[in-house]
Each structure stands twice: as structure tokens, then as C-alpha cells.
mmCIF file of all heavy atoms, coordinates in Angstrom:
data_MODEL
# 
_entry.id   MODEL 
# 
loop_
_atom_site.group_PDB 
_atom_site.id 
_atom_site.type_symbol 
_atom_site.label_atom_id 
_atom_site.label_alt_id 
_atom_site.label_comp_id 
_atom_site.label_asym_id 
_atom_site.label_entity_id 
_atom_site.label_seq_id 
_atom_site.pdbx_PDB_ins_code 
_atom_site.Cartn_x 
_atom_site.Cartn_y 
_atom_site.Cartn_z 
_atom_site.occupancy 
_atom_site.B_iso_or_equiv 
_atom_site.pdbx_formal_charge 
_atom_site.auth_seq_id 
_atom_site.auth_comp_id 
_atom_site.auth_asym_id 
_atom_site.auth_atom_id 
_atom_site.pdbx_PDB_model_num 
ATOM 1   N N   . GLU A 1 1  ? 3.351  17.739 -20.344 1.00 0.00 ? 1  GLU A N   1 
ATOM 2   C CA  . GLU A 1 1  ? 2.122  18.382 -19.895 1.00 0.00 ? 1  GLU A CA  1 
ATOM 3   C C   . GLU A 1 1  ? 1.647  17.724 -18.614 1.00 0.00 ? 1  GLU A C   1 
ATOM 4   O O   . GLU A 1 1  ? 2.168  16.695 -18.191 1.00 0.00 ? 1  GLU A O   1 
ATOM 5   C CB  . GLU A 1 1  ? 1.039  18.305 -20.969 1.00 0.00 ? 1  GLU A CB  1 
ATOM 6   C CG  . GLU A 1 1  ? 0.655  16.892 -21.357 1.00 0.00 ? 1  GLU A CG  1 
ATOM 7   C CD  . GLU A 1 1  ? -0.335 16.846 -22.505 1.00 0.00 ? 1  GLU A CD  1 
ATOM 8   O OE1 . GLU A 1 1  ? -1.130 17.796 -22.653 1.00 0.00 ? 1  GLU A OE1 1 
ATOM 9   O OE2 . GLU A 1 1  ? -0.307 15.871 -23.249 1.00 0.00 ? 1  GLU A OE2 1 
ATOM 10  N N   . VAL A 1 2  ? 0.633  18.314 -17.999 1.00 0.00 ? 2  VAL A N   1 
ATOM 11  C CA  . VAL A 1 2  ? 0.130  17.807 -16.727 1.00 0.00 ? 2  VAL A CA  1 
ATOM 12  C C   . VAL A 1 2  ? -0.601 16.481 -16.934 1.00 0.00 ? 2  VAL A C   1 
ATOM 13  O O   . VAL A 1 2  ? -1.349 16.316 -17.888 1.00 0.00 ? 2  VAL A O   1 
ATOM 14  C CB  . VAL A 1 2  ? -0.773 18.850 -16.027 1.00 0.00 ? 2  VAL A CB  1 
ATOM 15  C CG1 . VAL A 1 2  ? -2.041 19.101 -16.811 1.00 0.00 ? 2  VAL A CG1 1 
ATOM 16  C CG2 . VAL A 1 2  ? -1.109 18.425 -14.624 1.00 0.00 ? 2  VAL A CG2 1 
ATOM 17  N N   . ALA A 1 3  ? -0.333 15.521 -16.066 1.00 0.00 ? 3  ALA A N   1 
ATOM 18  C CA  . ALA A 1 3  ? -1.061 14.252 -16.065 1.00 0.00 ? 3  ALA A CA  1 
ATOM 19  C C   . ALA A 1 3  ? -2.046 14.234 -14.897 1.00 0.00 ? 3  ALA A C   1 
ATOM 20  O O   . ALA A 1 3  ? -3.191 13.836 -15.049 1.00 0.00 ? 3  ALA A O   1 
ATOM 21  C CB  . ALA A 1 3  ? -0.100 13.079 -15.970 1.00 0.00 ? 3  ALA A CB  1 
ATOM 22  N N   . PHE A 1 4  ? -1.578 14.663 -13.706 1.00 0.00 ? 4  PHE A N   1 
ATOM 23  C CA  . PHE A 1 4  ? -2.413 14.706 -12.516 1.00 0.00 ? 4  PHE A CA  1 
ATOM 24  C C   . PHE A 1 4  ? -2.127 15.996 -11.751 1.00 0.00 ? 4  PHE A C   1 
ATOM 25  O O   . PHE A 1 4  ? -0.980 16.395 -11.624 1.00 0.00 ? 4  PHE A O   1 
ATOM 26  C CB  . PHE A 1 4  ? -2.126 13.522 -11.583 1.00 0.00 ? 4  PHE A CB  1 
ATOM 27  C CG  . PHE A 1 4  ? -2.400 12.181 -12.211 1.00 0.00 ? 4  PHE A CG  1 
ATOM 28  C CD1 . PHE A 1 4  ? -1.357 11.416 -12.702 1.00 0.00 ? 4  PHE A CD1 1 
ATOM 29  C CD2 . PHE A 1 4  ? -3.688 11.693 -12.302 1.00 0.00 ? 4  PHE A CD2 1 
ATOM 30  C CE1 . PHE A 1 4  ? -1.599 10.193 -13.286 1.00 0.00 ? 4  PHE A CE1 1 
ATOM 31  C CE2 . PHE A 1 4  ? -3.937 10.464 -12.882 1.00 0.00 ? 4  PHE A CE2 1 
ATOM 32  C CZ  . PHE A 1 4  ? -2.895 9.711  -13.376 1.00 0.00 ? 4  PHE A CZ  1 
ATOM 33  N N   . ALA A 1 5  ? -3.179 16.615 -11.247 1.00 0.00 ? 5  ALA A N   1 
ATOM 34  C CA  . ALA A 1 5  ? -3.058 17.770 -10.357 1.00 0.00 ? 5  ALA A CA  1 
ATOM 35  C C   . ALA A 1 5  ? -3.989 17.502 -9.179  1.00 0.00 ? 5  ALA A C   1 
ATOM 36  O O   . ALA A 1 5  ? -5.198 17.392 -9.347  1.00 0.00 ? 5  ALA A O   1 
ATOM 37  C CB  . ALA A 1 5  ? -3.451 19.057 -11.071 1.00 0.00 ? 5  ALA A CB  1 
ATOM 38  N N   . VAL A 1 6  ? -3.402 17.345 -7.990  1.00 0.00 ? 6  VAL A N   1 
ATOM 39  C CA  . VAL A 1 6  ? -4.148 16.909 -6.813  1.00 0.00 ? 6  VAL A CA  1 
ATOM 40  C C   . VAL A 1 6  ? -3.950 17.907 -5.676  1.00 0.00 ? 6  VAL A C   1 
ATOM 41  O O   . VAL A 1 6  ? -2.814 18.299 -5.392  1.00 0.00 ? 6  VAL A O   1 
ATOM 42  C CB  . VAL A 1 6  ? -3.655 15.504 -6.377  1.00 0.00 ? 6  VAL A CB  1 
ATOM 43  C CG1 . VAL A 1 6  ? -4.357 15.045 -5.126  1.00 0.00 ? 6  VAL A CG1 1 
ATOM 44  C CG2 . VAL A 1 6  ? -3.846 14.507 -7.496  1.00 0.00 ? 6  VAL A CG2 1 
ATOM 45  N N   . LYS A 1 7  ? -5.039 18.271 -5.022  1.00 0.00 ? 7  LYS A N   1 
ATOM 46  C CA  . LYS A 1 7  ? -4.959 19.160 -3.860  1.00 0.00 ? 7  LYS A CA  1 
ATOM 47  C C   . LYS A 1 7  ? -4.633 18.331 -2.625  1.00 0.00 ? 7  LYS A C   1 
ATOM 48  O O   . LYS A 1 7  ? -5.251 17.287 -2.390  1.00 0.00 ? 7  LYS A O   1 
ATOM 49  C CB  . LYS A 1 7  ? -6.283 19.889 -3.659  1.00 0.00 ? 7  LYS A CB  1 
ATOM 50  C CG  . LYS A 1 7  ? -6.605 20.858 -4.765  1.00 0.00 ? 7  LYS A CG  1 
ATOM 51  C CD  . LYS A 1 7  ? -7.949 21.486 -4.528  1.00 0.00 ? 7  LYS A CD  1 
ATOM 52  C CE  . LYS A 1 7  ? -8.349 22.361 -5.697  1.00 0.00 ? 7  LYS A CE  1 
ATOM 53  N NZ  . LYS A 1 7  ? -9.702 22.889 -5.559  1.00 0.00 ? 7  LYS A NZ  1 
ATOM 54  N N   . ALA A 1 8  ? -3.664 18.800 -1.849  1.00 0.00 ? 8  ALA A N   1 
ATOM 55  C CA  . ALA A 1 8  ? -3.258 18.108 -0.623  1.00 0.00 ? 8  ALA A CA  1 
ATOM 56  C C   . ALA A 1 8  ? -2.740 19.147 0.360   1.00 0.00 ? 8  ALA A C   1 
ATOM 57  O O   . ALA A 1 8  ? -2.914 20.348 0.158   1.00 0.00 ? 8  ALA A O   1 
ATOM 58  C CB  . ALA A 1 8  ? -2.191 17.063 -0.934  1.00 0.00 ? 8  ALA A CB  1 
ATOM 59  N N   . ARG A 1 9  ? -2.082 18.682 1.400   1.00 0.00 ? 9  ARG A N   1 
ATOM 60  C CA  . ARG A 1 9  ? -1.455 19.553 2.392   1.00 0.00 ? 9  ARG A CA  1 
ATOM 61  C C   . ARG A 1 9  ? -0.038 19.046 2.611   1.00 0.00 ? 9  ARG A C   1 
ATOM 62  O O   . ARG A 1 9  ? 0.269  17.893 2.326   1.00 0.00 ? 9  ARG A O   1 
ATOM 63  C CB  . ARG A 1 9  ? -2.259 19.562 3.693   1.00 0.00 ? 9  ARG A CB  1 
ATOM 64  C CG  . ARG A 1 9  ? -3.705 20.018 3.465   1.00 0.00 ? 9  ARG A CG  1 
ATOM 65  C CD  . ARG A 1 9  ? -4.400 20.425 4.712   1.00 0.00 ? 9  ARG A CD  1 
ATOM 66  N NE  . ARG A 1 9  ? -3.940 21.654 5.312   1.00 0.00 ? 9  ARG A NE  1 
ATOM 67  C CZ  . ARG A 1 9  ? -4.277 22.876 4.930   1.00 0.00 ? 9  ARG A CZ  1 
ATOM 68  N NH1 . ARG A 1 9  ? -5.061 23.058 3.918   1.00 0.00 ? 9  ARG A NH1 1 
ATOM 69  N NH2 . ARG A 1 9  ? -3.820 23.931 5.574   1.00 0.00 ? 9  ARG A NH2 1 
ATOM 70  N N   . THR A 1 10 ? 0.834  19.892 3.140   1.00 0.00 ? 10 THR A N   1 
ATOM 71  C CA  . THR A 1 10 ? 2.235  19.503 3.341   1.00 0.00 ? 10 THR A CA  1 
ATOM 72  C C   . THR A 1 10 ? 2.373  18.359 4.330   1.00 0.00 ? 10 THR A C   1 
ATOM 73  O O   . THR A 1 10 ? 3.353  17.620 4.288   1.00 0.00 ? 10 THR A O   1 
ATOM 74  C CB  . THR A 1 10 ? 3.077  20.697 3.827   1.00 0.00 ? 10 THR A CB  1 
ATOM 75  O OG1 . THR A 1 10 ? 2.430  21.283 4.956   1.00 0.00 ? 10 THR A OG1 1 
ATOM 76  C CG2 . THR A 1 10 ? 3.272  21.718 2.735   1.00 0.00 ? 10 THR A CG2 1 
ATOM 77  N N   . VAL A 1 11 ? 1.414  18.179 5.221   1.00 0.00 ? 11 VAL A N   1 
ATOM 78  C CA  . VAL A 1 11 ? 1.477  17.090 6.207   1.00 0.00 ? 11 VAL A CA  1 
ATOM 79  C C   . VAL A 1 11 ? 0.819  15.803 5.702   1.00 0.00 ? 11 VAL A C   1 
ATOM 80  O O   . VAL A 1 11 ? 0.907  14.774 6.355   1.00 0.00 ? 11 VAL A O   1 
ATOM 81  C CB  . VAL A 1 11 ? 0.834  17.512 7.547   1.00 0.00 ? 11 VAL A CB  1 
ATOM 82  C CG1 . VAL A 1 11 ? 1.630  18.632 8.198   1.00 0.00 ? 11 VAL A CG1 1 
ATOM 83  C CG2 . VAL A 1 11 ? -0.619 17.918 7.354   1.00 0.00 ? 11 VAL A CG2 1 
ATOM 84  N N   . ASP A 1 12 ? 0.172  15.858 4.537   1.00 0.00 ? 12 ASP A N   1 
ATOM 85  C CA  . ASP A 1 12 ? -0.514 14.689 3.977   1.00 0.00 ? 12 ASP A CA  1 
ATOM 86  C C   . ASP A 1 12 ? 0.455  13.724 3.316   1.00 0.00 ? 12 ASP A C   1 
ATOM 87  O O   . ASP A 1 12 ? 1.504  14.120 2.801   1.00 0.00 ? 12 ASP A O   1 
ATOM 88  C CB  . ASP A 1 12 ? -1.541 15.116 2.918   1.00 0.00 ? 12 ASP A CB  1 
ATOM 89  C CG  . ASP A 1 12 ? -2.739 15.818 3.505   1.00 0.00 ? 12 ASP A CG  1 
ATOM 90  O OD1 . ASP A 1 12 ? -2.928 15.747 4.730   1.00 0.00 ? 12 ASP A OD1 1 
ATOM 91  O OD2 . ASP A 1 12 ? -3.485 16.441 2.726   1.00 0.00 ? 12 ASP A OD2 1 
ATOM 92  N N   . LYS A 1 13 ? 0.047  12.469 3.278   1.00 0.00 ? 13 LYS A N   1 
ATOM 93  C CA  . LYS A 1 13 ? 0.742  11.469 2.470   1.00 0.00 ? 13 LYS A CA  1 
ATOM 94  C C   . LYS A 1 13 ? 0.096  11.497 1.097   1.00 0.00 ? 13 LYS A C   1 
ATOM 95  O O   . LYS A 1 13 ? -1.125 11.594 0.976   1.00 0.00 ? 13 LYS A O   1 
ATOM 96  C CB  . LYS A 1 13 ? 0.577  10.077 3.080   1.00 0.00 ? 13 LYS A CB  1 
ATOM 97  C CG  . LYS A 1 13 ? 1.214  9.939  4.446   1.00 0.00 ? 13 LYS A CG  1 
ATOM 98  C CD  . LYS A 1 13 ? 0.893  8.575  5.034   1.00 0.00 ? 13 LYS A CD  1 
ATOM 99  C CE  . LYS A 1 13 ? 1.412  8.482  6.446   1.00 0.00 ? 13 LYS A CE  1 
ATOM 100 N NZ  . LYS A 1 13 ? 1.004  7.250  7.107   1.00 0.00 ? 13 LYS A NZ  1 
ATOM 101 N N   . VAL A 1 14 ? 0.914  11.439 0.054   1.00 0.00 ? 14 VAL A N   1 
ATOM 102 C CA  . VAL A 1 14 ? 0.405  11.400 -1.306  1.00 0.00 ? 14 VAL A CA  1 
ATOM 103 C C   . VAL A 1 14 ? 0.700  10.014 -1.858  1.00 0.00 ? 14 VAL A C   1 
ATOM 104 O O   . VAL A 1 14 ? 1.831  9.534  -1.795  1.00 0.00 ? 14 VAL A O   1 
ATOM 105 C CB  . VAL A 1 14 ? 1.056  12.494 -2.188  1.00 0.00 ? 14 VAL A CB  1 
ATOM 106 C CG1 . VAL A 1 14 ? 0.486  12.452 -3.594  1.00 0.00 ? 14 VAL A CG1 1 
ATOM 107 C CG2 . VAL A 1 14 ? 0.841  13.867 -1.562  1.00 0.00 ? 14 VAL A CG2 1 
ATOM 108 N N   . LEU A 1 15 ? -0.344 9.350  -2.395  1.00 0.00 ? 15 LEU A N   1 
ATOM 109 C CA  . LEU A 1 15 ? -0.225 7.990  -2.908  1.00 0.00 ? 15 LEU A CA  1 
ATOM 110 C C   . LEU A 1 15 ? -0.067 8.022  -4.417  1.00 0.00 ? 15 LEU A C   1 
ATOM 111 O O   . LEU A 1 15 ? -0.830 8.686  -5.122  1.00 0.00 ? 15 LEU A O   1 
ATOM 112 C CB  . LEU A 1 15 ? -1.469 7.180  -2.529  1.00 0.00 ? 15 LEU A CB  1 
ATOM 113 C CG  . LEU A 1 15 ? -1.845 7.159  -1.044  1.00 0.00 ? 15 LEU A CG  1 
ATOM 114 C CD1 . LEU A 1 15 ? -3.163 6.412  -0.839  1.00 0.00 ? 15 LEU A CD1 1 
ATOM 115 C CD2 . LEU A 1 15 ? -0.745 6.532  -0.218  1.00 0.00 ? 15 LEU A CD2 1 
ATOM 116 N N   . PHE A 1 16 ? 0.937  7.296  -4.911  1.00 0.00 ? 16 PHE A N   1 
ATOM 117 C CA  . PHE A 1 16 ? 1.189  7.163  -6.344  1.00 0.00 ? 16 PHE A CA  1 
ATOM 118 C C   . PHE A 1 16 ? 0.984  5.687  -6.692  1.00 0.00 ? 16 PHE A C   1 
ATOM 119 O O   . PHE A 1 16 ? 1.729  4.834  -6.215  1.00 0.00 ? 16 PHE A O   1 
ATOM 120 C CB  . PHE A 1 16 ? 2.616  7.586  -6.689  1.00 0.00 ? 16 PHE A CB  1 
ATOM 121 C CG  . PHE A 1 16 ? 2.903  9.040  -6.443  1.00 0.00 ? 16 PHE A CG  1 
ATOM 122 C CD1 . PHE A 1 16 ? 3.300  9.480  -5.186  1.00 0.00 ? 16 PHE A CD1 1 
ATOM 123 C CD2 . PHE A 1 16 ? 2.772  9.973  -7.459  1.00 0.00 ? 16 PHE A CD2 1 
ATOM 124 C CE1 . PHE A 1 16 ? 3.565  10.822 -4.950  1.00 0.00 ? 16 PHE A CE1 1 
ATOM 125 C CE2 . PHE A 1 16 ? 3.029  11.315 -7.229  1.00 0.00 ? 16 PHE A CE2 1 
ATOM 126 C CZ  . PHE A 1 16 ? 3.423  11.736 -5.976  1.00 0.00 ? 16 PHE A CZ  1 
ATOM 127 N N   . PHE A 1 17 ? -0.020 5.373  -7.529  1.00 0.00 ? 17 PHE A N   1 
ATOM 128 C CA  . PHE A 1 17 ? -0.323 3.993  -7.898  1.00 0.00 ? 17 PHE A CA  1 
ATOM 129 C C   . PHE A 1 17 ? 0.209  3.736  -9.304  1.00 0.00 ? 17 PHE A C   1 
ATOM 130 O O   . PHE A 1 17 ? -0.056 4.499  -10.220 1.00 0.00 ? 17 PHE A O   1 
ATOM 131 C CB  . PHE A 1 17 ? -1.833 3.733  -7.828  1.00 0.00 ? 17 PHE A CB  1 
ATOM 132 C CG  . PHE A 1 17 ? -2.208 2.304  -8.041  1.00 0.00 ? 17 PHE A CG  1 
ATOM 133 C CD1 . PHE A 1 17 ? -1.843 1.330  -7.126  1.00 0.00 ? 17 PHE A CD1 1 
ATOM 134 C CD2 . PHE A 1 17 ? -2.933 1.929  -9.155  1.00 0.00 ? 17 PHE A CD2 1 
ATOM 135 C CE1 . PHE A 1 17 ? -2.195 0.006  -7.315  1.00 0.00 ? 17 PHE A CE1 1 
ATOM 136 C CE2 . PHE A 1 17 ? -3.295 0.616  -9.357  1.00 0.00 ? 17 PHE A CE2 1 
ATOM 137 C CZ  . PHE A 1 17 ? -2.917 -0.360 -8.438  1.00 0.00 ? 17 PHE A CZ  1 
ATOM 138 N N   . ALA A 1 18 ? 0.968  2.650  -9.469  1.00 0.00 ? 18 ALA A N   1 
ATOM 139 C CA  . ALA A 1 18 ? 1.654  2.380  -10.731 1.00 0.00 ? 18 ALA A CA  1 
ATOM 140 C C   . ALA A 1 18 ? 1.097  1.135  -11.436 1.00 0.00 ? 18 ALA A C   1 
ATOM 141 O O   . ALA A 1 18 ? 0.387  0.325  -10.832 1.00 0.00 ? 18 ALA A O   1 
ATOM 142 C CB  . ALA A 1 18 ? 3.148  2.192  -10.470 1.00 0.00 ? 18 ALA A CB  1 
ATOM 143 N N   . THR A 1 19 ? 1.457  0.981  -12.707 1.00 0.00 ? 19 THR A N   1 
ATOM 144 C CA  . THR A 1 19 ? 0.996  -0.140 -13.520 1.00 0.00 ? 19 THR A CA  1 
ATOM 145 C C   . THR A 1 19 ? 1.512  -1.485 -13.023 1.00 0.00 ? 19 THR A C   1 
ATOM 146 O O   . THR A 1 19 ? 0.959  -2.519 -13.373 1.00 0.00 ? 19 THR A O   1 
ATOM 147 C CB  . THR A 1 19 ? 1.414  0.045  -14.990 1.00 0.00 ? 19 THR A CB  1 
ATOM 148 O OG1 . THR A 1 19 ? 2.825  0.273  -15.053 1.00 0.00 ? 19 THR A OG1 1 
ATOM 149 C CG2 . THR A 1 19 ? 0.688  1.204  -15.637 1.00 0.00 ? 19 THR A CG2 1 
ATOM 150 N N   . ASN A 1 20 ? 2.553  -1.495 -12.196 1.00 0.00 ? 20 ASN A N   1 
ATOM 151 C CA  . ASN A 1 20 ? 3.070  -2.753 -11.639 1.00 0.00 ? 20 ASN A CA  1 
ATOM 152 C C   . ASN A 1 20 ? 2.261  -3.213 -10.424 1.00 0.00 ? 20 ASN A C   1 
ATOM 153 O O   . ASN A 1 20 ? 2.610  -4.205 -9.792  1.00 0.00 ? 20 ASN A O   1 
ATOM 154 C CB  . ASN A 1 20 ? 4.551  -2.634 -11.282 1.00 0.00 ? 20 ASN A CB  1 
ATOM 155 C CG  . ASN A 1 20 ? 4.839  -1.567 -10.249 1.00 0.00 ? 20 ASN A CG  1 
ATOM 156 O OD1 . ASN A 1 20 ? 3.948  -0.865 -9.786  1.00 0.00 ? 20 ASN A OD1 1 
ATOM 157 N ND2 . ASN A 1 20 ? 6.102  -1.428 -9.898  1.00 0.00 ? 20 ASN A ND2 1 
ATOM 158 N N   . GLY A 1 21 ? 1.189  -2.492 -10.082 1.00 0.00 ? 21 GLY A N   1 
ATOM 159 C CA  . GLY A 1 21 ? 0.329  -2.864 -8.965  1.00 0.00 ? 21 GLY A CA  1 
ATOM 160 C C   . GLY A 1 21 ? 0.828  -2.397 -7.620  1.00 0.00 ? 21 GLY A C   1 
ATOM 161 O O   . GLY A 1 21 ? 0.261  -2.727 -6.591  1.00 0.00 ? 21 GLY A O   1 
ATOM 162 N N   . LYS A 1 22 ? 1.898  -1.589 -7.612  1.00 0.00 ? 22 LYS A N   1 
ATOM 163 C CA  . LYS A 1 22 ? 2.451  -1.089 -6.358  1.00 0.00 ? 22 LYS A CA  1 
ATOM 164 C C   . LYS A 1 22 ? 1.957  0.322  -6.082  1.00 0.00 ? 22 LYS A C   1 
ATOM 165 O O   . LYS A 1 22 ? 1.705  1.101  -6.996  1.00 0.00 ? 22 LYS A O   1 
ATOM 166 C CB  . LYS A 1 22 ? 3.980  -1.078 -6.395  1.00 0.00 ? 22 LYS A CB  1 
ATOM 167 C CG  . LYS A 1 22 ? 4.603  -2.443 -6.264  1.00 0.00 ? 22 LYS A CG  1 
ATOM 168 C CD  . LYS A 1 22 ? 6.097  -2.318 -6.117  1.00 0.00 ? 22 LYS A CD  1 
ATOM 169 C CE  . LYS A 1 22 ? 6.737  -3.663 -5.851  1.00 0.00 ? 22 LYS A CE  1 
ATOM 170 N NZ  . LYS A 1 22 ? 8.168  -3.536 -5.579  1.00 0.00 ? 22 LYS A NZ  1 
ATOM 171 N N   . CYS A 1 23 ? 1.853  0.628  -4.789  1.00 0.00 ? 23 CYS A N   1 
ATOM 172 C CA  . CYS A 1 23 ? 1.493  1.968  -4.347  1.00 0.00 ? 23 CYS A CA  1 
ATOM 173 C C   . CYS A 1 23 ? 2.694  2.559  -3.615  1.00 0.00 ? 23 CYS A C   1 
ATOM 174 O O   . CYS A 1 23 ? 3.260  1.922  -2.720  1.00 0.00 ? 23 CYS A O   1 
ATOM 175 C CB  . CYS A 1 23 ? 0.279  1.923  -3.435  1.00 0.00 ? 23 CYS A CB  1 
ATOM 176 S SG  . CYS A 1 23 ? -0.327 3.563  -3.022  1.00 0.00 ? 23 CYS A SG  1 
ATOM 177 N N   . TYR A 1 24 ? 3.100  3.743  -4.013  1.00 0.00 ? 24 TYR A N   1 
ATOM 178 C CA  . TYR A 1 24 ? 4.242  4.444  -3.424  1.00 0.00 ? 24 TYR A CA  1 
ATOM 179 C C   . TYR A 1 24 ? 3.715  5.635  -2.634  1.00 0.00 ? 24 TYR A C   1 
ATOM 180 O O   . TYR A 1 24 ? 2.757  6.282  -3.051  1.00 0.00 ? 24 TYR A O   1 
ATOM 181 C CB  . TYR A 1 24 ? 5.200  4.913  -4.513  1.00 0.00 ? 24 TYR A CB  1 
ATOM 182 C CG  . TYR A 1 24 ? 5.699  3.788  -5.395  1.00 0.00 ? 24 TYR A CG  1 
ATOM 183 C CD1 . TYR A 1 24 ? 5.023  3.412  -6.548  1.00 0.00 ? 24 TYR A CD1 1 
ATOM 184 C CD2 . TYR A 1 24 ? 6.852  3.096  -5.055  1.00 0.00 ? 24 TYR A CD2 1 
ATOM 185 C CE1 . TYR A 1 24 ? 5.479  2.375  -7.344  1.00 0.00 ? 24 TYR A CE1 1 
ATOM 186 C CE2 . TYR A 1 24 ? 7.323  2.052  -5.852  1.00 0.00 ? 24 TYR A CE2 1 
ATOM 187 C CZ  . TYR A 1 24 ? 6.627  1.703  -6.989  1.00 0.00 ? 24 TYR A CZ  1 
ATOM 188 O OH  . TYR A 1 24 ? 7.081  0.668  -7.770  1.00 0.00 ? 24 TYR A OH  1 
ATOM 189 N N   . THR A 1 25 ? 4.335  5.929  -1.501  1.00 0.00 ? 25 THR A N   1 
ATOM 190 C CA  . THR A 1 25 ? 3.878  7.002  -0.628  1.00 0.00 ? 25 THR A CA  1 
ATOM 191 C C   . THR A 1 25 ? 4.984  8.025  -0.397  1.00 0.00 ? 25 THR A C   1 
ATOM 192 O O   . THR A 1 25 ? 6.110  7.650  -0.070  1.00 0.00 ? 25 THR A O   1 
ATOM 193 C CB  . THR A 1 25 ? 3.439  6.426  0.737   1.00 0.00 ? 25 THR A CB  1 
ATOM 194 O OG1 . THR A 1 25 ? 2.490  5.385  0.516   1.00 0.00 ? 25 THR A OG1 1 
ATOM 195 C CG2 . THR A 1 25 ? 2.824  7.497  1.605   1.00 0.00 ? 25 THR A CG2 1 
ATOM 196 N N   . ILE A 1 26 ? 4.647  9.295  -0.580  1.00 0.00 ? 26 ILE A N   1 
ATOM 197 C CA  . ILE A 1 26 ? 5.573  10.397 -0.297  1.00 0.00 ? 26 ILE A CA  1 
ATOM 198 C C   . ILE A 1 26 ? 4.779  11.446 0.469   1.00 0.00 ? 26 ILE A C   1 
ATOM 199 O O   . ILE A 1 26 ? 3.662  11.789 0.074   1.00 0.00 ? 26 ILE A O   1 
ATOM 200 C CB  . ILE A 1 26 ? 6.155  11.007 -1.588  1.00 0.00 ? 26 ILE A CB  1 
ATOM 201 C CG1 . ILE A 1 26 ? 6.901  9.966  -2.400  1.00 0.00 ? 26 ILE A CG1 1 
ATOM 202 C CG2 . ILE A 1 26 ? 7.070  12.185 -1.255  1.00 0.00 ? 26 ILE A CG2 1 
ATOM 203 C CD1 . ILE A 1 26 ? 7.389  10.459 -3.738  1.00 0.00 ? 26 ILE A CD1 1 
# 
């Protein structure tokens, strides 16, 4: 099921924050 649904744009960076304290960018 859905955990997160976020509005963005194709040119935006999307940040994914994890339990290991790291932030990933796509």
C-alpha cells in the first residue's frame, strides 16, 4: 500500500530520508 505520496515536478529533486540517517536524492 501507499506509504508516501508527494507532489513534485520532473525537474525537482526528491529527497528520501532513511532510518540510517542518510538522505538520498533522485
